[in-house]
Amino acid sequence: MNAYDRFRMVSEEYLEFERVEKKKNSRPDIHALILLSELFPDGTGRMVCYASNDEIWLDIASEQVETLADDIILELIRCGVRCDGCGELLMFV
């Protein structure tokens, strides 16, 4: 099962940030960015790599997204992070 399908499996938890147990920040988007930065500390440059209309794409390679554990995917969904069909992470602004 690819990352897109794994995100879809828990989509009913979208923006249920109050269910995140150990919050890194009181804001769900900031929590998600901190979490991803901790998981992939070798990133360079900005976390937001592209914006279009009311969405932003995050600078996490699709190969890295495929390595995310199910509990991390759940936590990201609860923060409002989605995965597109190409395996890239994005959020509404």
PDB file of N, CA and C in Angstrom:
ATOM      1  N   MET A   1       0.849  -1.174   0.000  1.00  0.00           N
ATOM      2  CA  MET A   1       0.000   0.000   0.000  1.00  0.00           C
ATOM      3  C   MET A   1       0.900   1.245   0.000  1.00  0.00           C
ATOM      4  N   ASN A   2       0.601   2.191  -0.879  1.00  0.00           N
ATOM      5  CA  ASN A   2       1.430   3.393  -0.950  1.00  0.00           C
ATOM      6  C   ASN A   2       0.980   4.445   0.073  1.00  0.00           C
ATOM      7  N   ALA A   3       1.755   5.508   0.171  1.00  0.00           N
ATOM      8  CA  ALA A   3       1.495   6.546   1.176  1.00  0.00           C
ATOM      9  C   ALA A   3       0.129   7.198   0.965  1.00  0.00           C
ATOM     10  N   TYR A   4      -0.222   7.477  -0.281  1.00  0.00           N
ATOM     11  CA  TYR A   4      -1.515   8.089  -0.577  1.00  0.00           C
ATOM     12  C   TYR A   4      -2.657   7.248   0.000  1.00  0.00           C
ATOM     13  N   ASP A   5      -2.612   5.947  -0.226  1.00  0.00           N
ATOM     14  CA  ASP A   5      -3.650   5.053   0.299  1.00  0.00           C
ATOM     15  C   ASP A   5      -3.636   4.996   1.822  1.00  0.00           C
ATOM     16  N   ARG A   6      -2.451   5.022   2.394  1.00  0.00           N
ATOM     17  CA  ARG A   6      -2.349   4.984   3.861  1.00  0.00           C
ATOM     18  C   ARG A   6      -2.916   6.261   4.484  1.00  0.00           C
ATOM     19  N   PHE A   7      -2.709   7.406   3.860  1.00  0.00           N
ATOM     20  CA  PHE A   7      -3.307   8.655   4.336  1.00  0.00           C
ATOM     21  C   PHE A   7      -4.824   8.591   4.187  1.00  0.00           C
ATOM     22  N   ARG A   8      -5.309   8.063   3.083  1.00  0.00           N
ATOM     23  CA  ARG A   8      -6.757   7.968   2.860  1.00  0.00           C
ATOM     24  C   ARG A   8      -7.428   7.071   3.891  1.00  0.00           C
ATOM     25  N   MET A   9      -6.724   6.049   4.354  1.00  0.00           N
ATOM     26  CA  MET A   9      -7.316   5.120   5.325  1.00  0.00           C
ATOM     27  C   MET A   9      -7.679   5.796   6.641  1.00  0.00           C
ATOM     28  N   VAL A  10      -6.991   6.876   6.981  1.00  0.00           N
ATOM     29  CA  VAL A  10      -7.258   7.567   8.251  1.00  0.00           C
ATOM     30  C   VAL A  10      -7.819   8.978   8.016  1.00  0.00           C
ATOM     31  N   SER A  11      -8.359   9.217   6.841  1.00  0.00           N
ATOM     32  CA  SER A  11      -8.831  10.561   6.487  1.00  0.00           C
ATOM     33  C   SER A  11      -9.956  11.068   7.397  1.00  0.00           C
ATOM     34  N   GLU A  12     -10.676  10.162   8.050  1.00  0.00           N
ATOM     35  CA  GLU A  12     -11.744  10.613   8.968  1.00  0.00           C
ATOM     36  C   GLU A  12     -11.174  11.345  10.181  1.00  0.00           C
ATOM     37  N   GLU A  13      -9.862  11.239  10.386  1.00  0.00           N
ATOM     38  CA  GLU A  13      -9.193  11.927  11.500  1.00  0.00           C
ATOM     39  C   GLU A  13      -8.673  13.309  11.099  1.00  0.00           C
ATOM     40  N   TYR A  14      -8.957  13.735   9.866  1.00  0.00           N
ATOM     41  CA  TYR A  14      -8.458  15.010   9.351  1.00  0.00           C
ATOM     42  C   TYR A  14      -8.838  16.172  10.269  1.00  0.00           C
ATOM     43  N   LEU A  15      -7.827  16.932  10.669  1.00  0.00           N
ATOM     44  CA  LEU A  15      -7.961  18.110  11.534  1.00  0.00           C
ATOM     45  C   LEU A  15      -8.538  17.812  12.921  1.00  0.00           C
ATOM     46  N   GLU A  16      -8.354  16.608  13.407  1.00  0.00           N
ATOM     47  CA  GLU A  16      -8.754  16.248  14.776  1.00  0.00           C
ATOM     48  C   GLU A  16      -7.550  16.456  15.701  1.00  0.00           C
ATOM     49  N   PHE A  17      -6.995  17.660  15.663  1.00  0.00           N
ATOM     50  CA  PHE A  17      -5.756  17.965  16.383  1.00  0.00           C
ATOM     51  C   PHE A  17      -5.876  17.739  17.886  1.00  0.00           C
ATOM     52  N   GLU A  18      -7.067  17.892  18.425  1.00  0.00           N
ATOM     53  CA  GLU A  18      -7.232  17.690  19.872  1.00  0.00           C
ATOM     54  C   GLU A  18      -6.907  16.257  20.278  1.00  0.00           C
ATOM     55  N   ARG A  19      -6.867  15.335  19.338  1.00  0.00           N
ATOM     56  CA  ARG A  19      -6.545  13.937  19.634  1.00  0.00           C
ATOM     57  C   ARG A  19      -5.040  13.650  19.636  1.00  0.00           C
ATOM     58  N   VAL A  20      -4.232  14.627  19.247  1.00  0.00           N
ATOM     59  CA  VAL A  20      -2.778  14.452  19.308  1.00  0.00           C
ATOM     60  C   VAL A  20      -2.366  14.539  20.770  1.00  0.00           C
ATOM     61  N   GLU A  21      -1.680  13.520  21.250  1.00  0.00           N
ATOM     62  CA  GLU A  21      -1.378  13.440  22.684  1.00  0.00           C
ATOM     63  C   GLU A  21      -0.221  14.333  23.111  1.00  0.00           C
ATOM     64  N   LYS A  22       0.892  14.275  22.425  1.00  0.00           N
ATOM     65  CA  LYS A  22       2.072  15.051  22.816  1.00  0.00           C
ATOM     66  C   LYS A  22       2.297  16.165  21.806  1.00  0.00           C
ATOM     67  N   LYS A  23       1.644  17.287  22.057  1.00  0.00           N
ATOM     68  CA  LYS A  23       1.717  18.408  21.121  1.00  0.00           C
ATOM     69  C   LYS A  23       3.067  19.118  21.218  1.00  0.00           C
ATOM     70  N   LYS A  24       3.649  19.379  20.060  1.00  0.00           N
ATOM     71  CA  LYS A  24       4.907  20.101  19.972  1.00  0.00           C
ATOM     72  C   LYS A  24       4.653  21.603  19.902  1.00  0.00           C
ATOM     73  N   ASN A  25       3.408  21.977  19.621  1.00  0.00           N
ATOM     74  CA  ASN A  25       2.992  23.364  19.532  1.00  0.00           C
ATOM     75  C   ASN A  25       1.474  23.377  19.649  1.00  0.00           C
ATOM     76  N   SER A  26       0.907  24.489  20.032  1.00  0.00           N
ATOM     77  CA  SER A  26      -0.547  24.571  20.156  1.00  0.00           C
ATOM     78  C   SER A  26      -1.243  24.727  18.804  1.00  0.00           C
ATOM     79  N   ARG A  27      -0.470  24.990  17.761  1.00  0.00           N
ATOM     80  CA  ARG A  27      -1.024  25.145  16.416  1.00  0.00           C
ATOM     81  C   ARG A  27      -0.726  23.897  15.591  1.00  0.00           C
ATOM     82  N   PRO A  28      -1.745  23.327  14.970  1.00  0.00           N
ATOM     83  CA  PRO A  28      -1.548  22.067  14.248  1.00  0.00           C
ATOM     84  C   PRO A  28      -0.555  22.156  13.097  1.00  0.00           C
ATOM     85  N   ASP A  29      -0.554  23.257  12.344  1.00  0.00           N
ATOM     86  CA  ASP A  29       0.374  23.349  11.220  1.00  0.00           C
ATOM     87  C   ASP A  29       1.819  23.433  11.698  1.00  0.00           C
ATOM     88  N   ILE A  30       2.055  24.178  12.756  1.00  0.00           N
ATOM     89  CA  ILE A  30       3.416  24.294  13.299  1.00  0.00           C
ATOM     90  C   ILE A  30       3.849  22.960  13.891  1.00  0.00           C
ATOM     91  N   HIS A  31       2.940  22.277  14.578  1.00  0.00           N
ATOM     92  CA  HIS A  31       3.248  20.954  15.115  1.00  0.00           C
ATOM     93  C   HIS A  31       3.705  20.020  13.992  1.00  0.00           C
ATOM     94  N   ALA A  32       2.985  20.014  12.876  1.00  0.00           N
ATOM     95  CA  ALA A  32       3.328  19.138  11.755  1.00  0.00           C
ATOM     96  C   ALA A  32       4.703  19.477  11.184  1.00  0.00           C
ATOM     97  N   LEU A  33       4.991  20.754  11.038  1.00  0.00           N
ATOM     98  CA  LEU A  33       6.294  21.159  10.492  1.00  0.00           C
ATOM     99  C   LEU A  33       7.433  20.769  11.426  1.00  0.00           C
ATOM    100  N   ILE A  34       7.243  20.932  12.718  1.00  0.00           N
ATOM    101  CA  ILE A  34       8.268  20.521  13.690  1.00  0.00           C
ATOM    102  C   ILE A  34       8.459  19.011  13.636  1.00  0.00           C
ATOM    103  N   LEU A  35       7.369  18.272  13.615  1.00  0.00           N
ATOM    104  CA  LEU A  35       7.444  16.812  13.559  1.00  0.00           C
ATOM    105  C   LEU A  35       8.217  16.350  12.321  1.00  0.00           C
ATOM    106  N   LEU A  36       7.890  16.897  11.164  1.00  0.00           N
ATOM    107  CA  LEU A  36       8.579  16.502   9.941  1.00  0.00           C
ATOM    108  C   LEU A  36      10.052  16.896   9.961  1.00  0.00           C
ATOM    109  N   SER A  37      10.342  18.040  10.544  1.00  0.00           N
ATOM    110  CA  SER A  37      11.743  18.475  10.663  1.00  0.00           C
ATOM    111  C   SER A  37      12.533  17.544  11.576  1.00  0.00           C
ATOM    112  N   GLU A  38      11.901  17.059  12.623  1.00  0.00           N
ATOM    113  CA  GLU A  38      12.554  16.105  13.518  1.00  0.00           C
ATOM    114  C   GLU A  38      12.763  14.751  12.840  1.00  0.00           C
ATOM    115  N   LEU A  39      11.790  14.327  12.049  1.00  0.00           N
ATOM    116  CA  LEU A  39      11.881  13.038  11.367  1.00  0.00           C
ATOM    117  C   LEU A  39      12.903  13.048  10.237  1.00  0.00           C
ATOM    118  N   PHE A  40      13.020  14.188   9.565  1.00  0.00           N
ATOM    119  CA  PHE A  40      13.919  14.318   8.418  1.00  0.00           C
ATOM    120  C   PHE A  40      14.832  15.531   8.615  1.00  0.00           C
ATOM    121  N   PRO A  41      15.788  15.433   9.555  1.00  0.00           N
ATOM    122  CA  PRO A  41      16.614  16.592   9.923  1.00  0.00           C
ATOM    123  C   PRO A  41      17.620  17.015   8.858  1.00  0.00           C
ATOM    124  N   ASP A  42      17.825  16.224   7.838  1.00  0.00           N
ATOM    125  CA  ASP A  42      18.826  16.561   6.831  1.00  0.00           C
ATOM    126  C   ASP A  42      18.303  17.483   5.743  1.00  0.00           C
ATOM    127  N   GLY A  43      17.077  17.927   5.876  1.00  0.00           N
ATOM    128  CA  GLY A  43      16.519  18.825   4.868  1.00  0.00           C
ATOM    129  C   GLY A  43      17.266  20.146   4.828  1.00  0.00           C
ATOM    130  N   THR A  44      17.287  20.737   3.669  1.00  0.00           N
ATOM    131  CA  THR A  44      17.935  22.043   3.516  1.00  0.00           C
ATOM    132  C   THR A  44      16.914  23.027   2.974  1.00  0.00           C
ATOM    133  N   GLY A  45      17.115  24.255   3.286  1.00  0.00           N
ATOM    134  CA  GLY A  45      16.208  25.277   2.772  1.00  0.00           C
ATOM    135  C   GLY A  45      14.894  25.325   3.520  1.00  0.00           C
ATOM    136  N   ARG A  46      13.885  25.744   2.837  1.00  0.00           N
ATOM    137  CA  ARG A  46      12.562  25.948   3.432  1.00  0.00           C
ATOM    138  C   ARG A  46      11.717  24.679   3.418  1.00  0.00           C
ATOM    139  N   MET A  47      10.842  24.570   4.405  1.00  0.00           N
ATOM    140  CA  MET A  47       9.946  23.421   4.468  1.00  0.00           C
ATOM    141  C   MET A  47       8.846  23.533   3.414  1.00  0.00           C
ATOM    142  N   VAL A  48       8.365  24.750   3.177  1.00  0.00           N
ATOM    143  CA  VAL A  48       7.346  24.969   2.152  1.00  0.00           C
ATOM    144  C   VAL A  48       8.077  25.183   0.826  1.00  0.00           C
ATOM    145  N   CYS A  49       7.818  24.288  -0.127  1.00  0.00           N
ATOM    146  CA  CYS A  49       8.559  24.366  -1.384  1.00  0.00           C
ATOM    147  C   CYS A  49       7.724  24.895  -2.541  1.00  0.00           C
ATOM    148  N   TYR A  50       6.409  24.940  -2.376  1.00  0.00           N
ATOM    149  CA  TYR A  50       5.547  25.375  -3.467  1.00  0.00           C
ATOM    150  C   TYR A  50       4.202  25.784  -2.891  1.00  0.00           C
ATOM    151  N   ALA A  51       3.585  26.788  -3.504  1.00  0.00           N
ATOM    152  CA  ALA A  51       2.253  27.223  -3.100  1.00  0.00           C
ATOM    153  C   ALA A  51       1.420  27.490  -4.338  1.00  0.00           C
ATOM    154  N   SER A  52       0.167  27.129  -4.262  1.00  0.00           N
ATOM    155  CA  SER A  52      -0.762  27.380  -5.357  1.00  0.00           C
ATOM    156  C   SER A  52      -2.146  27.578  -4.765  1.00  0.00           C
ATOM    157  N   ASN A  53      -2.756  28.679  -5.122  1.00  0.00           N
ATOM    158  CA  ASN A  53      -4.075  29.028  -4.604  1.00  0.00           C
ATOM    159  C   ASN A  53      -4.076  28.958  -3.082  1.00  0.00           C
ATOM    160  N   ASP A  54      -4.783  28.023  -2.507  1.00  0.00           N
ATOM    161  CA  ASP A  54      -4.885  27.950  -1.049  1.00  0.00           C
ATOM    162  C   ASP A  54      -4.193  26.718  -0.481  1.00  0.00           C
ATOM    163  N   GLU A  55      -3.196  26.187  -1.198  1.00  0.00           N
ATOM    164  CA  GLU A  55      -2.479  25.007  -0.732  1.00  0.00           C
ATOM    165  C   GLU A  55      -0.972  25.248  -0.765  1.00  0.00           C
ATOM    166  N   ILE A  56      -0.270  24.572   0.151  1.00  0.00           N
ATOM    167  CA  ILE A  56       1.189  24.592   0.153  1.00  0.00           C
ATOM    168  C   ILE A  56       1.695  23.154   0.106  1.00  0.00           C
ATOM    169  N   TRP A  57       2.794  22.939  -0.592  1.00  0.00           N
ATOM    170  CA  TRP A  57       3.440  21.631  -0.648  1.00  0.00           C
ATOM    171  C   TRP A  57       4.683  21.681   0.213  1.00  0.00           C
ATOM    172  N   LEU A  58       4.946  20.589   0.908  1.00  0.00           N
ATOM    173  CA  LEU A  58       6.067  20.523   1.832  1.00  0.00           C
ATOM    174  C   LEU A  58       7.252  19.821   1.179  1.00  0.00           C
ATOM    175  N   ASP A  59       8.444  20.276   1.517  1.00  0.00           N
ATOM    176  CA  ASP A  59       9.669  19.783   0.898  1.00  0.00           C
ATOM    177  C   ASP A  59      10.147  18.492   1.555  1.00  0.00           C
ATOM    178  N   ILE A  60       9.319  17.469   1.422  1.00  0.00           N
ATOM    179  CA  ILE A  60       9.647  16.118   1.887  1.00  0.00           C
ATOM    180  C   ILE A  60       9.514  15.211   0.665  1.00  0.00           C
ATOM    181  N   ALA A  61      10.588  14.529   0.310  1.00  0.00           N
ATOM    182  CA  ALA A  61      10.582  13.680  -0.886  1.00  0.00           C
ATOM    183  C   ALA A  61       9.564  12.554  -0.744  1.00  0.00           C
ATOM    184  N   SER A  62       8.965  12.170  -1.858  1.00  0.00           N
ATOM    185  CA  SER A  62       7.968  11.097  -1.828  1.00  0.00           C
ATOM    186  C   SER A  62       8.565   9.793  -1.297  1.00  0.00           C
ATOM    187  N   GLU A  63       9.854   9.585  -1.523  1.00  0.00           N
ATOM    188  CA  GLU A  63      10.521   8.390  -0.980  1.00  0.00           C
ATOM    189  C   GLU A  63      10.536   8.423   0.546  1.00  0.00           C
ATOM    190  N   GLN A  64      10.697   9.620   1.107  1.00  0.00           N
ATOM    191  CA  GLN A  64      10.668   9.770   2.561  1.00  0.00           C
ATOM    192  C   GLN A  64       9.249   9.576   3.090  1.00  0.00           C
ATOM    193  N   VAL A  65       8.280  10.086   2.365  1.00  0.00           N
ATOM    194  CA  VAL A  65       6.875   9.946   2.772  1.00  0.00           C
ATOM    195  C   VAL A  65       6.506   8.469   2.860  1.00  0.00           C
ATOM    196  N   GLU A  66       7.011   7.678   1.936  1.00  0.00           N
ATOM    197  CA  GLU A  66       6.714   6.236   1.932  1.00  0.00           C
ATOM    198  C   GLU A  66       7.240   5.534   3.187  1.00  0.00           C
ATOM    199  N   THR A  67       8.233   6.114   3.857  1.00  0.00           N
ATOM    200  CA  THR A  67       8.821   5.483   5.041  1.00  0.00           C
ATOM    201  C   THR A  67       8.078   5.825   6.332  1.00  0.00           C
ATOM    202  N   LEU A  68       7.107   6.726   6.283  1.00  0.00           N
ATOM    203  CA  LEU A  68       6.409   7.150   7.493  1.00  0.00           C
ATOM    204  C   LEU A  68       5.623   5.998   8.118  1.00  0.00           C
ATOM    205  N   ALA A  69       5.747   5.869   9.420  1.00  0.00           N
ATOM    206  CA  ALA A  69       4.983   4.867  10.168  1.00  0.00           C
ATOM    207  C   ALA A  69       3.510   5.287  10.224  1.00  0.00           C
ATOM    208  N   ASP A  70       2.639   4.328  10.410  1.00  0.00           N
ATOM    209  CA  ASP A  70       1.206   4.596  10.440  1.00  0.00           C
ATOM    210  C   ASP A  70       0.811   5.586  11.531  1.00  0.00           C
ATOM    211  N   ASP A  71       1.454   5.515  12.691  1.00  0.00           N
ATOM    212  CA  ASP A  71       1.106   6.457  13.767  1.00  0.00           C
ATOM    213  C   ASP A  71       1.516   7.883  13.415  1.00  0.00           C
ATOM    214  N   ILE A  72       2.581   8.045  12.654  1.00  0.00           N
ATOM    215  CA  ILE A  72       3.006   9.376  12.219  1.00  0.00           C
ATOM    216  C   ILE A  72       2.039   9.908  11.170  1.00  0.00           C
ATOM    217  N   ILE A  73       1.606   9.059  10.268  1.00  0.00           N
ATOM    218  CA  ILE A  73       0.610   9.464   9.268  1.00  0.00           C
ATOM    219  C   ILE A  73      -0.664   9.927   9.959  1.00  0.00           C
ATOM    220  N   LEU A  74      -1.105   9.206  10.953  1.00  0.00           N
ATOM    221  CA  LEU A  74      -2.288   9.601  11.713  1.00  0.00           C
ATOM    222  C   LEU A  74      -2.091  10.971  12.364  1.00  0.00           C
ATOM    223  N   GLU A  75      -0.931  11.173  12.960  1.00  0.00           N
ATOM    224  CA  GLU A  75      -0.643  12.459  13.610  1.00  0.00           C
ATOM    225  C   GLU A  75      -0.626  13.592  12.584  1.00  0.00           C
ATOM    226  N   LEU A  76      -0.044  13.356  11.423  1.00  0.00           N
ATOM    227  CA  LEU A  76      -0.005  14.385  10.383  1.00  0.00           C
ATOM    228  C   LEU A  76      -1.400  14.701   9.853  1.00  0.00           C
ATOM    229  N   ILE A  77      -2.213  13.682   9.644  1.00  0.00           N
ATOM    230  CA  ILE A  77      -3.605  13.901   9.215  1.00  0.00           C
ATOM    231  C   ILE A  77      -4.337  14.759  10.238  1.00  0.00           C
ATOM    232  N   ARG A  78      -4.128  14.477  11.501  1.00  0.00           N
ATOM    233  CA  ARG A  78      -4.781  15.247  12.568  1.00  0.00           C
ATOM    234  C   ARG A  78      -4.319  16.699  12.578  1.00  0.00           C
ATOM    235  N   CYS A  79      -3.176  16.974  11.963  1.00  0.00           N
ATOM    236  CA  CYS A  79      -2.649  18.340  11.860  1.00  0.00           C
ATOM    237  C   CYS A  79      -3.072  19.018  10.562  1.00  0.00           C
ATOM    238  N   GLY A  80      -3.746  18.296   9.688  1.00  0.00           N
ATOM    239  CA  GLY A  80      -4.193  18.883   8.432  1.00  0.00           C
ATOM    240  C   GLY A  80      -3.272  18.622   7.252  1.00  0.00           C
ATOM    241  N   VAL A  81      -2.322  17.722   7.412  1.00  0.00           N
ATOM    242  CA  VAL A  81      -1.425  17.370   6.308  1.00  0.00           C
ATOM    243  C   VAL A  81      -2.094  16.287   5.474  1.00  0.00           C
ATOM    244  N   ARG A  82      -2.022  16.437   4.163  1.00  0.00           N
ATOM    245  CA  ARG A  82      -2.568  15.455   3.239  1.00  0.00           C
ATOM    246  C   ARG A  82      -1.455  14.939   2.345  1.00  0.00           C
ATOM    247  N   CYS A  83      -1.725  13.872   1.646  1.00  0.00           N
ATOM    248  CA  CYS A  83      -0.779  13.296   0.692  1.00  0.00           C
ATOM    249  C   CYS A  83      -1.475  13.238  -0.651  1.00  0.00           C
ATOM    250  N   ASP A  84      -0.809  13.765  -1.693  1.00  0.00           N
ATOM    251  CA  ASP A  84      -1.433  13.722  -3.024  1.00  0.00           C
ATOM    252  C   ASP A  84      -1.100  12.405  -3.720  1.00  0.00           C
ATOM    253  N   GLY A  85      -1.628  12.203  -4.892  1.00  0.00           N
ATOM    254  CA  GLY A  85      -1.437  10.965  -5.628  1.00  0.00           C
ATOM    255  C   GLY A  85      -0.010  10.704  -6.049  1.00  0.00           C
ATOM    256  N   CYS A  86       0.842  11.723  -5.979  1.00  0.00           N
ATOM    257  CA  CYS A  86       2.266  11.570  -6.330  1.00  0.00           C
ATOM    258  C   CYS A  86       3.110  11.260  -5.098  1.00  0.00           C
ATOM    259  N   GLY A  87       2.478  11.198  -3.924  1.00  0.00           N
ATOM    260  CA  GLY A  87       3.202  10.915  -2.695  1.00  0.00           C
ATOM    261  C   GLY A  87       3.822  12.128  -2.050  1.00  0.00           C
ATOM    262  N   GLU A  88       3.367  13.319  -2.436  1.00  0.00           N
ATOM    263  CA  GLU A  88       3.876  14.552  -1.855  1.00  0.00           C
ATOM    264  C   GLU A  88       2.918  15.057  -0.776  1.00  0.00           C
ATOM    265  N   LEU A  89       3.483  15.703   0.238  1.00  0.00           N
ATOM    266  CA  LEU A  89       2.675  16.215   1.347  1.00  0.00           C
ATOM    267  C   LEU A  89       2.252  17.656   1.072  1.00  0.00           C
ATOM    268  N   LEU A  90       1.004  17.969   1.415  1.00  0.00           N
ATOM    269  CA  LEU A  90       0.489  19.306   1.226  1.00  0.00           C
ATOM    270  C   LEU A  90      -0.522  19.635   2.320  1.00  0.00           C
ATOM    271  N   MET A  91      -0.804  20.933   2.436  1.00  0.00           N
ATOM    272  CA  MET A  91      -1.738  21.427   3.438  1.00  0.00           C
ATOM    273  C   MET A  91      -2.521  22.589   2.836  1.00  0.00           C
ATOM    274  N   PHE A  92      -3.736  22.782   3.308  1.00  0.00           N
ATOM    275  CA  PHE A  92      -4.464  24.014   3.007  1.00  0.00           C
ATOM    276  C   PHE A  92      -3.905  25.104   3.901  1.00  0.00           C
ATOM    277  N   VAL A  93      -3.941  26.335   3.396  1.00  0.00           N
ATOM    278  CA  VAL A  93      -3.470  27.465   4.217  1.00  0.00           C
ATOM    279  C   VAL A  93      -4.633  28.141   4.893  1.00  0.00           C
TER     280      VAL A  93
END
